[in-house]
Amino acid sequence: MSATIIPFRFARRLPQIRKTAAYMVSLPRNHAEGHLREQLRRLEDGLRKKGVADDMIRSEVASYQGAVRAHLWRLLLSHGGAA
């Protein structure tokens, strides 16, 4: 018997998304992108270690990245900043 592991949707972890986006705003663009890549790599590694299927991992990573980028744009537009 085997089980399918379904993680809690990472794109709904608002405190973590807000924290990541807020930190990215404070960095130069190339460092901000590097920070996001590192966060996505850690998420992917963590899900893989827990036995989550590859297609689910890709979906979760893409959703989380989209959520962070959406919040990042909201921050940039609301503060008149530039990436």
PDB file of N, CA and C in Angstrom:
ATOM      1  N   MET A   1       0.840  -1.174   0.000  1.00  0.00           N
ATOM      2  CA  MET A   1       0.000   0.000   0.000  1.00  0.00           C
ATOM      3  C   MET A   1       0.890   1.244   0.000  1.00  0.00           C
ATOM      4  N   SER A   2       0.543   2.212  -0.834  1.00  0.00           N
ATOM      5  CA  SER A   2       1.303   3.467  -0.870  1.00  0.00           C
ATOM      6  C   SER A   2       0.331   4.637  -0.752  1.00  0.00           C
ATOM      7  N   ALA A   3       0.873   5.738  -0.331  1.00  0.00           N
ATOM      8  CA  ALA A   3       0.043   6.926  -0.125  1.00  0.00           C
ATOM      9  C   ALA A   3       0.564   8.064  -0.985  1.00  0.00           C
ATOM     10  N   THR A   4      -0.333   8.935  -1.372  1.00  0.00           N
ATOM     11  CA  THR A   4       0.045  10.143  -2.098  1.00  0.00           C
ATOM     12  C   THR A   4       0.136  11.277  -1.098  1.00  0.00           C
ATOM     13  N   ILE A   5       1.277  11.945  -1.095  1.00  0.00           N
ATOM     14  CA  ILE A   5       1.485  13.055  -0.160  1.00  0.00           C
ATOM     15  C   ILE A   5       1.070  14.342  -0.854  1.00  0.00           C
ATOM     16  N   ILE A   6       0.151  15.062  -0.253  1.00  0.00           N
ATOM     17  CA  ILE A   6      -0.315  16.338  -0.788  1.00  0.00           C
ATOM     18  C   ILE A   6       0.019  17.413   0.238  1.00  0.00           C
ATOM     19  N   PRO A   7       0.960  18.297  -0.093  1.00  0.00           N
ATOM     20  CA  PRO A   7       1.356  19.342   0.864  1.00  0.00           C
ATOM     21  C   PRO A   7       0.317  20.444   0.961  1.00  0.00           C
ATOM     22  N   PHE A   8       0.347  21.164   2.081  1.00  0.00           N
ATOM     23  CA  PHE A   8      -0.465  22.369   2.203  1.00  0.00           C
ATOM     24  C   PHE A   8      -0.005  23.340   1.135  1.00  0.00           C
ATOM     25  N   ARG A   9      -0.915  23.996   0.463  1.00  0.00           N
ATOM     26  CA  ARG A   9      -0.584  24.879  -0.651  1.00  0.00           C
ATOM     27  C   ARG A   9       0.337  26.011  -0.192  1.00  0.00           C
ATOM     28  N   PHE A  10       1.561  26.009  -0.699  1.00  0.00           N
ATOM     29  CA  PHE A  10       2.546  27.009  -0.296  1.00  0.00           C
ATOM     30  C   PHE A  10       2.151  28.408  -0.742  1.00  0.00           C
ATOM     31  N   ALA A  11       1.391  28.519  -1.807  1.00  0.00           N
ATOM     32  CA  ALA A  11       0.958  29.834  -2.283  1.00  0.00           C
ATOM     33  C   ALA A  11      -0.042  30.480  -1.325  1.00  0.00           C
ATOM     34  N   ARG A  12      -0.499  29.750  -0.323  1.00  0.00           N
ATOM     35  CA  ARG A  12      -1.418  30.303   0.672  1.00  0.00           C
ATOM     36  C   ARG A  12      -0.731  30.642   1.984  1.00  0.00           C
ATOM     37  N   ARG A  13       0.553  30.475   2.050  1.00  0.00           N
ATOM     38  CA  ARG A  13       1.313  30.801   3.269  1.00  0.00           C
ATOM     39  C   ARG A  13       1.665  32.283   3.241  1.00  0.00           C
ATOM     40  N   LEU A  14       0.663  33.097   3.500  1.00  0.00           N
ATOM     41  CA  LEU A  14       0.794  34.541   3.340  1.00  0.00           C
ATOM     42  C   LEU A  14       1.902  35.181   4.169  1.00  0.00           C
ATOM     43  N   PRO A  15       2.076  34.836   5.432  1.00  0.00           N
ATOM     44  CA  PRO A  15       3.168  35.463   6.177  1.00  0.00           C
ATOM     45  C   PRO A  15       4.532  35.211   5.538  1.00  0.00           C
ATOM     46  N   GLN A  16       4.760  34.002   5.075  1.00  0.00           N
ATOM     47  CA  GLN A  16       6.032  33.666   4.447  1.00  0.00           C
ATOM     48  C   GLN A  16       6.183  34.402   3.105  1.00  0.00           C
ATOM     49  N   ILE A  17       5.123  34.491   2.346  1.00  0.00           N
ATOM     50  CA  ILE A  17       5.138  35.195   1.067  1.00  0.00           C
ATOM     51  C   ILE A  17       5.433  36.675   1.289  1.00  0.00           C
ATOM     52  N   ARG A  18       4.750  37.276   2.247  1.00  0.00           N
ATOM     53  CA  ARG A  18       4.965  38.700   2.542  1.00  0.00           C
ATOM     54  C   ARG A  18       6.396  38.966   3.012  1.00  0.00           C
ATOM     55  N   LYS A  19       6.905  38.094   3.852  1.00  0.00           N
ATOM     56  CA  LYS A  19       8.266  38.260   4.365  1.00  0.00           C
ATOM     57  C   LYS A  19       9.290  38.169   3.235  1.00  0.00           C
ATOM     58  N   THR A  20       9.133  37.194   2.368  1.00  0.00           N
ATOM     59  CA  THR A  20      10.064  37.025   1.249  1.00  0.00           C
ATOM     60  C   THR A  20      10.017  38.225   0.320  1.00  0.00           C
ATOM     61  N   ALA A  21       8.816  38.674  -0.035  1.00  0.00           N
ATOM     62  CA  ALA A  21       8.671  39.819  -0.942  1.00  0.00           C
ATOM     63  C   ALA A  21       9.217  41.092  -0.304  1.00  0.00           C
ATOM     64  N   ALA A  22       8.941  41.298   0.963  1.00  0.00           N
ATOM     65  CA  ALA A  22       9.433  42.498   1.654  1.00  0.00           C
ATOM     66  C   ALA A  22      10.959  42.508   1.704  1.00  0.00           C
ATOM     67  N   TYR A  23      11.549  41.360   1.914  1.00  0.00           N
ATOM     68  CA  TYR A  23      13.011  41.285   1.937  1.00  0.00           C
ATOM     69  C   TYR A  23      13.567  41.553   0.542  1.00  0.00           C
ATOM     70  N   MET A  24      12.907  41.023  -0.472  1.00  0.00           N
ATOM     71  CA  MET A  24      13.367  41.229  -1.845  1.00  0.00           C
ATOM     72  C   MET A  24      13.357  42.705  -2.226  1.00  0.00           C
ATOM     73  N   VAL A  25      12.375  43.460  -1.743  1.00  0.00           N
ATOM     74  CA  VAL A  25      12.288  44.892  -2.040  1.00  0.00           C
ATOM     75  C   VAL A  25      13.512  45.629  -1.504  1.00  0.00           C
ATOM     76  N   SER A  26      14.064  45.147  -0.413  1.00  0.00           N
ATOM     77  CA  SER A  26      15.191  45.831   0.217  1.00  0.00           C
ATOM     78  C   SER A  26      16.532  45.524  -0.450  1.00  0.00           C
ATOM     79  N   LEU A  27      16.548  44.603  -1.394  1.00  0.00           N
ATOM     80  CA  LEU A  27      17.793  44.168  -2.030  1.00  0.00           C
ATOM     81  C   LEU A  27      17.939  44.730  -3.442  1.00  0.00           C
ATOM     82  N   PRO A  28      19.177  44.811  -3.935  1.00  0.00           N
ATOM     83  CA  PRO A  28      19.357  45.105  -5.359  1.00  0.00           C
ATOM     84  C   PRO A  28      18.715  43.979  -6.182  1.00  0.00           C
ATOM     85  N   ARG A  29      18.280  44.293  -7.388  1.00  0.00           N
ATOM     86  CA  ARG A  29      17.506  43.342  -8.191  1.00  0.00           C
ATOM     87  C   ARG A  29      18.188  41.977  -8.333  1.00  0.00           C
ATOM     88  N   ASN A  30      19.480  41.972  -8.689  1.00  0.00           N
ATOM     89  CA  ASN A  30      20.148  40.677  -8.899  1.00  0.00           C
ATOM     90  C   ASN A  30      20.218  39.856  -7.611  1.00  0.00           C
ATOM     91  N   HIS A  31      20.383  40.504  -6.475  1.00  0.00           N
ATOM     92  CA  HIS A  31      20.394  39.781  -5.200  1.00  0.00           C
ATOM     93  C   HIS A  31      18.987  39.307  -4.833  1.00  0.00           C
ATOM     94  N   ALA A  32      17.992  40.106  -5.149  1.00  0.00           N
ATOM     95  CA  ALA A  32      16.608  39.710  -4.868  1.00  0.00           C
ATOM     96  C   ALA A  32      16.242  38.452  -5.659  1.00  0.00           C
ATOM     97  N   GLU A  33      16.631  38.414  -6.919  1.00  0.00           N
ATOM     98  CA  GLU A  33      16.352  37.228  -7.738  1.00  0.00           C
ATOM     99  C   GLU A  33      17.095  36.010  -7.193  1.00  0.00           C
ATOM    100  N   GLY A  34      18.331  36.215  -6.759  1.00  0.00           N
ATOM    101  CA  GLY A  34      19.087  35.121  -6.166  1.00  0.00           C
ATOM    102  C   GLY A  34      18.431  34.610  -4.894  1.00  0.00           C
ATOM    103  N   HIS A  35      17.925  35.533  -4.094  1.00  0.00           N
ATOM    104  CA  HIS A  35      17.235  35.138  -2.856  1.00  0.00           C
ATOM    105  C   HIS A  35      15.994  34.299  -3.183  1.00  0.00           C
ATOM    106  N   LEU A  36      15.222  34.737  -4.161  1.00  0.00           N
ATOM    107  CA  LEU A  36      14.027  33.984  -4.530  1.00  0.00           C
ATOM    108  C   LEU A  36      14.401  32.607  -5.071  1.00  0.00           C
ATOM    109  N   ARG A  37      15.422  32.537  -5.907  1.00  0.00           N
ATOM    110  CA  ARG A  37      15.866  31.229  -6.425  1.00  0.00           C
ATOM    111  C   ARG A  37      16.251  30.290  -5.282  1.00  0.00           C
ATOM    112  N   GLU A  38      16.937  30.827  -4.283  1.00  0.00           N
ATOM    113  CA  GLU A  38      17.337  30.013  -3.133  1.00  0.00           C
ATOM    114  C   GLU A  38      16.113  29.536  -2.350  1.00  0.00           C
ATOM    115  N   GLN A  39      15.139  30.399  -2.155  1.00  0.00           N
ATOM    116  CA  GLN A  39      13.915  30.014  -1.451  1.00  0.00           C
ATOM    117  C   GLN A  39      13.179  28.915  -2.218  1.00  0.00           C
ATOM    118  N   LEU A  40      13.108  29.048  -3.535  1.00  0.00           N
ATOM    119  CA  LEU A  40      12.433  28.046  -4.365  1.00  0.00           C
ATOM    120  C   LEU A  40      13.187  26.721  -4.345  1.00  0.00           C
ATOM    121  N   ARG A  41      14.511  26.784  -4.341  1.00  0.00           N
ATOM    122  CA  ARG A  41      15.318  25.558  -4.272  1.00  0.00           C
ATOM    123  C   ARG A  41      15.086  24.844  -2.950  1.00  0.00           C
ATOM    124  N   ARG A  42      15.038  25.607  -1.865  1.00  0.00           N
ATOM    125  CA  ARG A  42      14.793  25.007  -0.547  1.00  0.00           C
ATOM    126  C   ARG A  42      13.410  24.366  -0.474  1.00  0.00           C
ATOM    127  N   LEU A  43      12.425  25.048  -1.042  1.00  0.00           N
ATOM    128  CA  LEU A  43      11.070  24.500  -1.072  1.00  0.00           C
ATOM    129  C   LEU A  43      11.056  23.187  -1.848  1.00  0.00           C
ATOM    130  N   GLU A  44      11.669  23.198  -3.020  1.00  0.00           N
ATOM    131  CA  GLU A  44      11.730  21.991  -3.846  1.00  0.00           C
ATOM    132  C   GLU A  44      12.441  20.849  -3.121  1.00  0.00           C
ATOM    133  N   ASP A  45      13.575  21.141  -2.518  1.00  0.00           N
ATOM    134  CA  ASP A  45      14.324  20.112  -1.786  1.00  0.00           C
ATOM    135  C   ASP A  45      13.509  19.542  -0.629  1.00  0.00           C
ATOM    136  N   GLY A  46      12.847  20.421   0.105  1.00  0.00           N
ATOM    137  CA  GLY A  46      12.046  19.978   1.240  1.00  0.00           C
ATOM    138  C   GLY A  46      10.901  19.075   0.830  1.00  0.00           C
ATOM    139  N   LEU A  47      10.235  19.446  -0.250  1.00  0.00           N
ATOM    140  CA  LEU A  47       9.119  18.621  -0.737  1.00  0.00           C
ATOM    141  C   LEU A  47       9.623  17.276  -1.258  1.00  0.00           C
ATOM    142  N   ARG A  48      10.757  17.301  -1.935  1.00  0.00           N
ATOM    143  CA  ARG A  48      11.329  16.053  -2.456  1.00  0.00           C
ATOM    144  C   ARG A  48      11.694  15.112  -1.303  1.00  0.00           C
ATOM    145  N   LYS A  49      12.274  15.647  -0.229  1.00  0.00           N
ATOM    146  CA  LYS A  49      12.643  14.820   0.922  1.00  0.00           C
ATOM    147  C   LYS A  49      11.423  14.204   1.594  1.00  0.00           C
ATOM    148  N   LYS A  50      10.286  14.897   1.489  1.00  0.00           N
ATOM    149  CA  LYS A  50       9.054  14.384   2.096  1.00  0.00           C
ATOM    150  C   LYS A  50       8.342  13.374   1.204  1.00  0.00           C
ATOM    151  N   GLY A  51       8.868  13.172  -0.001  1.00  0.00           N
ATOM    152  CA  GLY A  51       8.285  12.164  -0.886  1.00  0.00           C
ATOM    153  C   GLY A  51       7.166  12.671  -1.779  1.00  0.00           C
ATOM    154  N   VAL A  52       7.085  13.970  -1.980  1.00  0.00           N
ATOM    155  CA  VAL A  52       6.053  14.537  -2.844  1.00  0.00           C
ATOM    156  C   VAL A  52       6.425  14.260  -4.295  1.00  0.00           C
ATOM    157  N   ALA A  53       5.435  13.938  -5.107  1.00  0.00           N
ATOM    158  CA  ALA A  53       5.655  13.617  -6.523  1.00  0.00           C
ATOM    159  C   ALA A  53       6.201  14.836  -7.276  1.00  0.00           C
ATOM    160  N   ASP A  54       7.023  14.567  -8.288  1.00  0.00           N
ATOM    161  CA  ASP A  54       7.676  15.635  -9.049  1.00  0.00           C
ATOM    162  C   ASP A  54       6.694  16.620  -9.682  1.00  0.00           C
ATOM    163  N   ASP A  55       5.594  16.121 -10.235  1.00  0.00           N
ATOM    164  CA  ASP A  55       4.629  17.045 -10.851  1.00  0.00           C
ATOM    165  C   ASP A  55       3.988  17.959  -9.814  1.00  0.00           C
ATOM    166  N   MET A  56       3.754  17.449  -8.632  1.00  0.00           N
ATOM    167  CA  MET A  56       3.208  18.256  -7.543  1.00  0.00           C
ATOM    168  C   MET A  56       4.251  19.274  -7.071  1.00  0.00           C
ATOM    169  N   ILE A  57       5.506  18.887  -7.022  1.00  0.00           N
ATOM    170  CA  ILE A  57       6.584  19.799  -6.628  1.00  0.00           C
ATOM    171  C   ILE A  57       6.648  20.960  -7.613  1.00  0.00           C
ATOM    172  N   ARG A  58       6.649  20.657  -8.902  1.00  0.00           N
ATOM    173  CA  ARG A  58       6.706  21.718  -9.917  1.00  0.00           C
ATOM    174  C   ARG A  58       5.526  22.676  -9.775  1.00  0.00           C
ATOM    175  N   SER A  59       4.366  22.137  -9.524  1.00  0.00           N
ATOM    176  CA  SER A  59       3.168  22.957  -9.355  1.00  0.00           C
ATOM    177  C   SER A  59       3.278  23.858  -8.126  1.00  0.00           C
ATOM    178  N   GLU A  60       3.723  23.292  -7.019  1.00  0.00           N
ATOM    179  CA  GLU A  60       3.853  24.059  -5.778  1.00  0.00           C
ATOM    180  C   GLU A  60       4.902  25.163  -5.904  1.00  0.00           C
ATOM    181  N   VAL A  61       6.034  24.840  -6.499  1.00  0.00           N
ATOM    182  CA  VAL A  61       7.099  25.825  -6.661  1.00  0.00           C
ATOM    183  C   VAL A  61       6.634  26.959  -7.569  1.00  0.00           C
ATOM    184  N   ALA A  62       5.974  26.625  -8.666  1.00  0.00           N
ATOM    185  CA  ALA A  62       5.478  27.652  -9.584  1.00  0.00           C
ATOM    186  C   ALA A  62       4.419  28.527  -8.918  1.00  0.00           C
ATOM    187  N   SER A  63       3.524  27.927  -8.156  1.00  0.00           N
ATOM    188  CA  SER A  63       2.483  28.688  -7.462  1.00  0.00           C
ATOM    189  C   SER A  63       3.087  29.616  -6.414  1.00  0.00           C
ATOM    190  N   TYR A  64       4.042  29.110  -5.670  1.00  0.00           N
ATOM    191  CA  TYR A  64       4.689  29.925  -4.642  1.00  0.00           C
ATOM    192  C   TYR A  64       5.440  31.082  -5.284  1.00  0.00           C
ATOM    193  N   GLN A  65       6.166  30.797  -6.356  1.00  0.00           N
ATOM    194  CA  GLN A  65       6.893  31.854  -7.051  1.00  0.00           C
ATOM    195  C   GLN A  65       5.927  32.929  -7.566  1.00  0.00           C
ATOM    196  N   GLY A  66       4.823  32.522  -8.135  1.00  0.00           N
ATOM    197  CA  GLY A  66       3.831  33.477  -8.618  1.00  0.00           C
ATOM    198  C   GLY A  66       3.267  34.329  -7.503  1.00  0.00           C
ATOM    199  N   ALA A  67       3.011  33.715  -6.359  1.00  0.00           N
ATOM    200  CA  ALA A  67       2.459  34.450  -5.219  1.00  0.00           C
ATOM    201  C   ALA A  67       3.466  35.470  -4.692  1.00  0.00           C
ATOM    202  N   VAL A  68       4.739  35.079  -4.608  1.00  0.00           N
ATOM    203  CA  VAL A  68       5.772  36.008  -4.137  1.00  0.00           C
ATOM    204  C   VAL A  68       5.921  37.163  -5.111  1.00  0.00           C
ATOM    205  N   ARG A  69       5.978  36.856  -6.404  1.00  0.00           N
ATOM    206  CA  ARG A  69       6.135  37.918  -7.406  1.00  0.00           C
ATOM    207  C   ARG A  69       4.928  38.863  -7.430  1.00  0.00           C
ATOM    208  N   ALA A  70       3.744  38.327  -7.263  1.00  0.00           N
ATOM    209  CA  ALA A  70       2.546  39.177  -7.222  1.00  0.00           C
ATOM    210  C   ALA A  70       2.608  40.126  -6.030  1.00  0.00           C
ATOM    211  N   HIS A  71       3.001  39.617  -4.877  1.00  0.00           N
ATOM    212  CA  HIS A  71       3.090  40.477  -3.692  1.00  0.00           C
ATOM    213  C   HIS A  71       4.231  41.485  -3.843  1.00  0.00           C
ATOM    214  N   LEU A  72       5.311  41.051  -4.447  1.00  0.00           N
ATOM    215  CA  LEU A  72       6.432  41.954  -4.709  1.00  0.00           C
ATOM    216  C   LEU A  72       5.979  43.132  -5.567  1.00  0.00           C
ATOM    217  N   TRP A  73       5.220  42.860  -6.614  1.00  0.00           N
ATOM    218  CA  TRP A  73       4.715  43.948  -7.465  1.00  0.00           C
ATOM    219  C   TRP A  73       3.783  44.867  -6.693  1.00  0.00           C
ATOM    220  N   ARG A  74       2.944  44.281  -5.853  1.00  0.00           N
ATOM    221  CA  ARG A  74       2.051  45.125  -5.031  1.00  0.00           C
ATOM    222  C   ARG A  74       2.864  46.070  -4.161  1.00  0.00           C
ATOM    223  N   LEU A  75       3.932  45.548  -3.574  1.00  0.00           N
ATOM    224  CA  LEU A  75       4.781  46.396  -2.732  1.00  0.00           C
ATOM    225  C   LEU A  75       5.461  47.491  -3.559  1.00  0.00           C
ATOM    226  N   LEU A  76       5.995  47.128  -4.683  1.00  0.00           N
ATOM    227  CA  LEU A  76       6.688  48.092  -5.524  1.00  0.00           C
ATOM    228  C   LEU A  76       5.750  49.188  -6.021  1.00  0.00           C
ATOM    229  N   LEU A  77       4.575  48.795  -6.447  1.00  0.00           N
ATOM    230  CA  LEU A  77       3.622  49.784  -6.967  1.00  0.00           C
ATOM    231  C   LEU A  77       3.053  50.672  -5.865  1.00  0.00           C
ATOM    232  N   SER A  78       2.852  50.114  -4.689  1.00  0.00           N
ATOM    233  CA  SER A  78       2.275  50.907  -3.608  1.00  0.00           C
ATOM    234  C   SER A  78       3.293  51.891  -3.030  1.00  0.00           C
ATOM    235  N   HIS A  79       4.582  51.588  -3.173  1.00  0.00           N
ATOM    236  CA  HIS A  79       5.616  52.476  -2.646  1.00  0.00           C
ATOM    237  C   HIS A  79       6.315  53.267  -3.737  1.00  0.00           C
ATOM    238  N   GLY A  80       5.892  53.078  -4.979  1.00  0.00           N
ATOM    239  CA  GLY A  80       6.499  53.823  -6.083  1.00  0.00           C
ATOM    240  C   GLY A  80       7.933  53.429  -6.337  1.00  0.00           C
ATOM    241  N   GLY A  81       8.332  52.232  -5.900  1.00  0.00           N
ATOM    242  CA  GLY A  81       9.704  51.787  -6.078  1.00  0.00           C
ATOM    243  C   GLY A  81       9.922  51.153  -7.428  1.00  0.00           C
ATOM    244  N   ALA A  82      11.134  50.755  -7.678  1.00  0.00           N
ATOM    245  CA  ALA A  82      11.474  50.053  -8.912  1.00  0.00           C
ATOM    246  C   ALA A  82      12.298  48.823  -8.570  1.00  0.00           C
ATOM    247  N   ALA A  83      12.139  47.801  -9.370  1.00  0.00           N
ATOM    248  CA  ALA A  83      12.864  46.551  -9.114  1.00  0.00           C
ATOM    249  C   ALA A  83      14.289  46.641  -9.598  1.00  0.00           C
TER     250      ALA A  83
END
